[in-house]
Amino acid sequence: MPDAQSLNAILSSYGVSNPLGSGGGFNWWNIIGGIIFGIIGWYAFVHGKREKNWRPMVIGITLMVYPYFVPNALLSFAIGIALTAALYFWRE
């Protein structure tokens, strides 16, 4: 698999700009974190909907959506762990 620089060179030779941003922001850890916390968020949302409790539903939606807006993998995992802890500790 080519690295980000060679991929950018190949794309620019065909006249295509970098689809991943200026820094080549593709990172496998962001994808892995998004999948893990997305599954946790989906489960929390379904559980909250079944129990008619808005707290897990809101945290679940947040867990499913935030990875799309956080480019830093370490920050993404920190937010995901904090939201998962909030899901565990902030219950009735």
N, C-alpha and C. Protein backbone atom coordinates (compact mmCIF):
# COMPACT_ATOMS: atom_id res chain seq x y z
N MET A 1 0.86 -1.18 0.00
CA MET A 1 0.00 0.00 0.00
C MET A 1 0.90 1.23 0.00
N PRO A 2 0.65 2.16 -0.91
CA PRO A 2 1.51 3.36 -0.97
C PRO A 2 1.27 4.28 0.21
N ASP A 3 2.32 5.02 0.57
CA ASP A 3 2.17 5.98 1.67
C ASP A 3 1.47 7.23 1.15
N ALA A 4 1.22 8.18 2.06
CA ALA A 4 0.43 9.37 1.73
C ALA A 4 1.13 10.24 0.69
N GLN A 5 2.44 10.37 0.77
CA GLN A 5 3.16 11.23 -0.17
C GLN A 5 3.12 10.67 -1.59
N SER A 6 3.33 9.36 -1.73
CA SER A 6 3.30 8.79 -3.07
C SER A 6 1.87 8.79 -3.63
N LEU A 7 0.88 8.62 -2.75
CA LEU A 7 -0.51 8.70 -3.20
C LEU A 7 -0.83 10.11 -3.69
N ASN A 8 -0.37 11.13 -2.96
CA ASN A 8 -0.58 12.51 -3.40
C ASN A 8 0.11 12.78 -4.72
N ALA A 9 1.31 12.22 -4.91
CA ALA A 9 2.02 12.41 -6.18
C ALA A 9 1.28 11.76 -7.34
N ILE A 10 0.76 10.57 -7.12
CA ILE A 10 0.01 9.88 -8.17
C ILE A 10 -1.26 10.65 -8.51
N LEU A 11 -1.98 11.10 -7.48
CA LEU A 11 -3.22 11.85 -7.73
C LEU A 11 -2.94 13.17 -8.43
N SER A 12 -1.88 13.86 -8.02
CA SER A 12 -1.59 15.15 -8.64
C SER A 12 -1.14 14.98 -10.09
N SER A 13 -0.54 13.84 -10.45
CA SER A 13 -0.15 13.62 -11.84
C SER A 13 -1.39 13.49 -12.74
N TYR A 14 -2.51 13.08 -12.17
CA TYR A 14 -3.77 13.00 -12.93
C TYR A 14 -4.62 14.25 -12.77
N GLY A 15 -4.11 15.26 -12.07
CA GLY A 15 -4.83 16.51 -11.91
C GLY A 15 -5.88 16.48 -10.81
N VAL A 16 -5.76 15.53 -9.90
CA VAL A 16 -6.71 15.42 -8.81
C VAL A 16 -6.05 15.96 -7.54
N SER A 17 -6.75 16.85 -6.84
CA SER A 17 -6.19 17.37 -5.61
C SER A 17 -6.32 16.33 -4.51
N ASN A 18 -5.65 16.57 -3.42
CA ASN A 18 -5.64 15.63 -2.30
C ASN A 18 -7.03 15.56 -1.66
N PRO A 19 -7.71 14.42 -1.73
CA PRO A 19 -9.04 14.33 -1.14
C PRO A 19 -9.02 14.22 0.37
N LEU A 20 -7.85 14.02 0.94
CA LEU A 20 -7.74 13.80 2.38
C LEU A 20 -7.30 15.03 3.13
N GLY A 21 -7.23 16.15 2.51
CA GLY A 21 -6.79 17.37 3.17
C GLY A 21 -5.34 17.66 2.84
N SER A 22 -4.86 18.79 3.32
CA SER A 22 -3.51 19.22 2.96
C SER A 22 -2.43 18.37 3.60
N GLY A 23 -2.69 17.81 4.78
CA GLY A 23 -1.67 17.04 5.47
C GLY A 23 -1.77 15.55 5.24
N GLY A 24 -2.67 15.10 4.39
CA GLY A 24 -2.84 13.68 4.19
C GLY A 24 -3.36 13.04 5.47
N GLY A 25 -4.49 13.53 5.98
CA GLY A 25 -4.98 13.19 7.30
C GLY A 25 -5.55 11.79 7.45
N PHE A 26 -5.26 10.89 6.56
CA PHE A 26 -5.74 9.52 6.66
C PHE A 26 -4.96 8.80 7.74
N ASN A 27 -5.68 8.26 8.71
CA ASN A 27 -5.03 7.58 9.82
C ASN A 27 -5.86 6.37 10.21
N TRP A 28 -5.24 5.21 10.24
CA TRP A 28 -5.94 3.99 10.58
C TRP A 28 -6.49 4.02 12.00
N TRP A 29 -5.80 4.68 12.91
CA TRP A 29 -6.26 4.73 14.30
C TRP A 29 -7.56 5.51 14.41
N ASN A 30 -7.74 6.53 13.58
CA ASN A 30 -9.02 7.24 13.57
C ASN A 30 -10.15 6.33 13.11
N ILE A 31 -9.89 5.51 12.12
CA ILE A 31 -10.90 4.61 11.61
C ILE A 31 -11.23 3.54 12.65
N ILE A 32 -10.22 2.97 13.28
CA ILE A 32 -10.43 1.94 14.30
C ILE A 32 -11.21 2.52 15.48
N GLY A 33 -10.81 3.70 15.94
CA GLY A 33 -11.53 4.34 17.03
C GLY A 33 -12.96 4.67 16.66
N GLY A 34 -13.17 5.14 15.43
CA GLY A 34 -14.52 5.44 14.98
C GLY A 34 -15.40 4.21 14.94
N ILE A 35 -14.84 3.09 14.53
CA ILE A 35 -15.61 1.85 14.50
C ILE A 35 -15.94 1.39 15.92
N ILE A 36 -14.94 1.37 16.79
CA ILE A 36 -15.15 0.91 18.17
C ILE A 36 -16.18 1.78 18.88
N PHE A 37 -15.97 3.08 18.87
CA PHE A 37 -16.88 3.96 19.59
C PHE A 37 -18.22 4.12 18.88
N GLY A 38 -18.24 3.90 17.58
CA GLY A 38 -19.51 3.89 16.85
C GLY A 38 -20.38 2.70 17.26
N ILE A 39 -19.76 1.54 17.45
CA ILE A 39 -20.51 0.36 17.89
C ILE A 39 -21.03 0.57 19.31
N ILE A 40 -20.19 1.12 20.19
CA ILE A 40 -20.63 1.40 21.55
C ILE A 40 -21.77 2.41 21.53
N GLY A 41 -21.66 3.44 20.71
CA GLY A 41 -22.71 4.44 20.60
C GLY A 41 -24.00 3.88 20.05
N TRP A 42 -23.89 3.00 19.06
CA TRP A 42 -25.09 2.38 18.50
C TRP A 42 -25.80 1.56 19.57
N TYR A 43 -25.04 0.77 20.34
CA TYR A 43 -25.64 -0.03 21.40
C TYR A 43 -26.29 0.87 22.45
N ALA A 44 -25.61 1.95 22.83
CA ALA A 44 -26.16 2.87 23.83
C ALA A 44 -27.45 3.51 23.32
N PHE A 45 -27.47 3.89 22.06
CA PHE A 45 -28.67 4.50 21.49
C PHE A 45 -29.84 3.52 21.49
N VAL A 46 -29.59 2.29 21.05
CA VAL A 46 -30.65 1.30 21.01
C VAL A 46 -31.15 0.98 22.42
N HIS A 47 -30.23 0.86 23.36
CA HIS A 47 -30.62 0.58 24.74
C HIS A 47 -31.43 1.75 25.32
N GLY A 48 -31.00 2.98 25.07
CA GLY A 48 -31.73 4.14 25.55
C GLY A 48 -33.11 4.26 24.94
N LYS A 49 -33.21 3.92 23.66
CA LYS A 49 -34.52 3.97 23.00
C LYS A 49 -35.45 2.90 23.56
N ARG A 50 -34.91 1.73 23.80
CA ARG A 50 -35.73 0.64 24.35
C ARG A 50 -36.21 0.97 25.76
N GLU A 51 -35.35 1.59 26.56
CA GLU A 51 -35.70 1.92 27.94
C GLU A 51 -36.39 3.28 28.06
N LYS A 52 -36.52 3.99 26.95
CA LYS A 52 -37.10 5.34 26.91
C LYS A 52 -36.35 6.29 27.85
N ASN A 53 -35.02 6.24 27.74
CA ASN A 53 -34.12 7.08 28.55
C ASN A 53 -33.30 7.93 27.58
N TRP A 54 -33.37 9.24 27.74
CA TRP A 54 -32.72 10.14 26.79
C TRP A 54 -31.21 10.22 26.99
N ARG A 55 -30.69 9.95 28.18
CA ARG A 55 -29.24 10.09 28.42
C ARG A 55 -28.41 9.15 27.56
N PRO A 56 -28.68 7.84 27.57
CA PRO A 56 -27.87 6.98 26.70
C PRO A 56 -28.10 7.25 25.22
N MET A 57 -29.29 7.72 24.87
CA MET A 57 -29.54 8.04 23.47
C MET A 57 -28.66 9.21 23.00
N VAL A 58 -28.57 10.24 23.83
CA VAL A 58 -27.76 11.42 23.46
C VAL A 58 -26.28 11.06 23.43
N ILE A 59 -25.82 10.33 24.44
CA ILE A 59 -24.41 9.94 24.47
C ILE A 59 -24.11 8.99 23.30
N GLY A 60 -25.06 8.11 22.98
CA GLY A 60 -24.86 7.19 21.86
C GLY A 60 -24.75 7.91 20.53
N ILE A 61 -25.61 8.88 20.31
CA ILE A 61 -25.53 9.67 19.07
C ILE A 61 -24.20 10.42 19.01
N THR A 62 -23.79 10.98 20.15
CA THR A 62 -22.52 11.70 20.20
C THR A 62 -21.36 10.77 19.91
N LEU A 63 -21.38 9.56 20.46
CA LEU A 63 -20.31 8.59 20.20
C LEU A 63 -20.27 8.18 18.73
N MET A 64 -21.40 8.14 18.08
CA MET A 64 -21.42 7.75 16.67
C MET A 64 -20.99 8.88 15.74
N VAL A 65 -21.15 10.14 16.16
CA VAL A 65 -20.93 11.26 15.25
C VAL A 65 -19.57 11.93 15.43
N TYR A 66 -19.06 12.02 16.66
CA TYR A 66 -17.87 12.83 16.89
C TYR A 66 -16.63 12.38 16.13
N PRO A 67 -16.41 11.10 15.81
CA PRO A 67 -15.18 10.74 15.09
C PRO A 67 -15.05 11.40 13.71
N TYR A 68 -16.17 11.83 13.14
CA TYR A 68 -16.12 12.50 11.84
C TYR A 68 -15.52 13.90 11.92
N PHE A 69 -15.49 14.47 13.12
CA PHE A 69 -15.06 15.85 13.28
C PHE A 69 -13.74 16.01 14.02
N VAL A 70 -13.15 14.93 14.52
CA VAL A 70 -11.92 15.01 15.29
C VAL A 70 -10.79 14.36 14.47
N PRO A 71 -9.83 15.15 13.99
CA PRO A 71 -8.79 14.59 13.14
C PRO A 71 -7.64 13.93 13.91
N ASN A 72 -7.47 14.24 15.17
CA ASN A 72 -6.37 13.71 15.95
C ASN A 72 -6.79 12.39 16.60
N ALA A 73 -6.00 11.32 16.38
CA ALA A 73 -6.37 10.00 16.89
C ALA A 73 -6.34 9.95 18.41
N LEU A 74 -5.34 10.56 19.01
CA LEU A 74 -5.23 10.53 20.47
C LEU A 74 -6.41 11.28 21.11
N LEU A 75 -6.74 12.42 20.57
CA LEU A 75 -7.89 13.18 21.06
C LEU A 75 -9.19 12.42 20.82
N SER A 76 -9.28 11.74 19.70
CA SER A 76 -10.46 10.95 19.39
C SER A 76 -10.67 9.83 20.41
N PHE A 77 -9.59 9.13 20.76
CA PHE A 77 -9.70 8.08 21.77
C PHE A 77 -10.00 8.66 23.14
N ALA A 78 -9.43 9.80 23.47
CA ALA A 78 -9.70 10.43 24.77
C ALA A 78 -11.17 10.83 24.89
N ILE A 79 -11.73 11.41 23.83
CA ILE A 79 -13.14 11.79 23.85
C ILE A 79 -14.02 10.55 23.92
N GLY A 80 -13.68 9.53 23.17
CA GLY A 80 -14.46 8.29 23.18
C GLY A 80 -14.46 7.61 24.54
N ILE A 81 -13.30 7.58 25.18
CA ILE A 81 -13.21 6.98 26.52
C ILE A 81 -14.00 7.81 27.52
N ALA A 82 -13.91 9.14 27.42
CA ALA A 82 -14.66 10.00 28.35
C ALA A 82 -16.16 9.85 28.16
N LEU A 83 -16.62 9.77 26.92
CA LEU A 83 -18.05 9.59 26.67
C LEU A 83 -18.53 8.21 27.11
N THR A 84 -17.70 7.20 26.92
CA THR A 84 -18.06 5.86 27.38
C THR A 84 -18.12 5.82 28.90
N ALA A 85 -17.19 6.50 29.57
CA ALA A 85 -17.23 6.58 31.04
C ALA A 85 -18.47 7.34 31.49
N ALA A 86 -18.83 8.41 30.78
CA ALA A 86 -20.04 9.16 31.11
C ALA A 86 -21.27 8.28 30.94
N LEU A 87 -21.25 7.44 29.93
CA LEU A 87 -22.36 6.52 29.72
C LEU A 87 -22.48 5.55 30.89
N TYR A 88 -21.36 5.11 31.43
CA TYR A 88 -21.37 4.16 32.54
C TYR A 88 -21.75 4.84 33.86
N PHE A 89 -21.16 5.99 34.15
CA PHE A 89 -21.34 6.62 35.45
C PHE A 89 -22.58 7.50 35.55
N TRP A 90 -23.05 8.04 34.41
CA TRP A 90 -24.19 8.96 34.42
C TRP A 90 -25.47 8.21 34.09
N ARG A 91 -25.88 7.37 35.02
CA ARG A 91 -27.11 6.62 34.84
C ARG A 91 -27.94 6.74 36.10
N GLU A 92 -29.16 6.40 36.00
CA GLU A 92 -30.07 6.55 37.15
C GLU A 92 -30.11 5.31 37.99
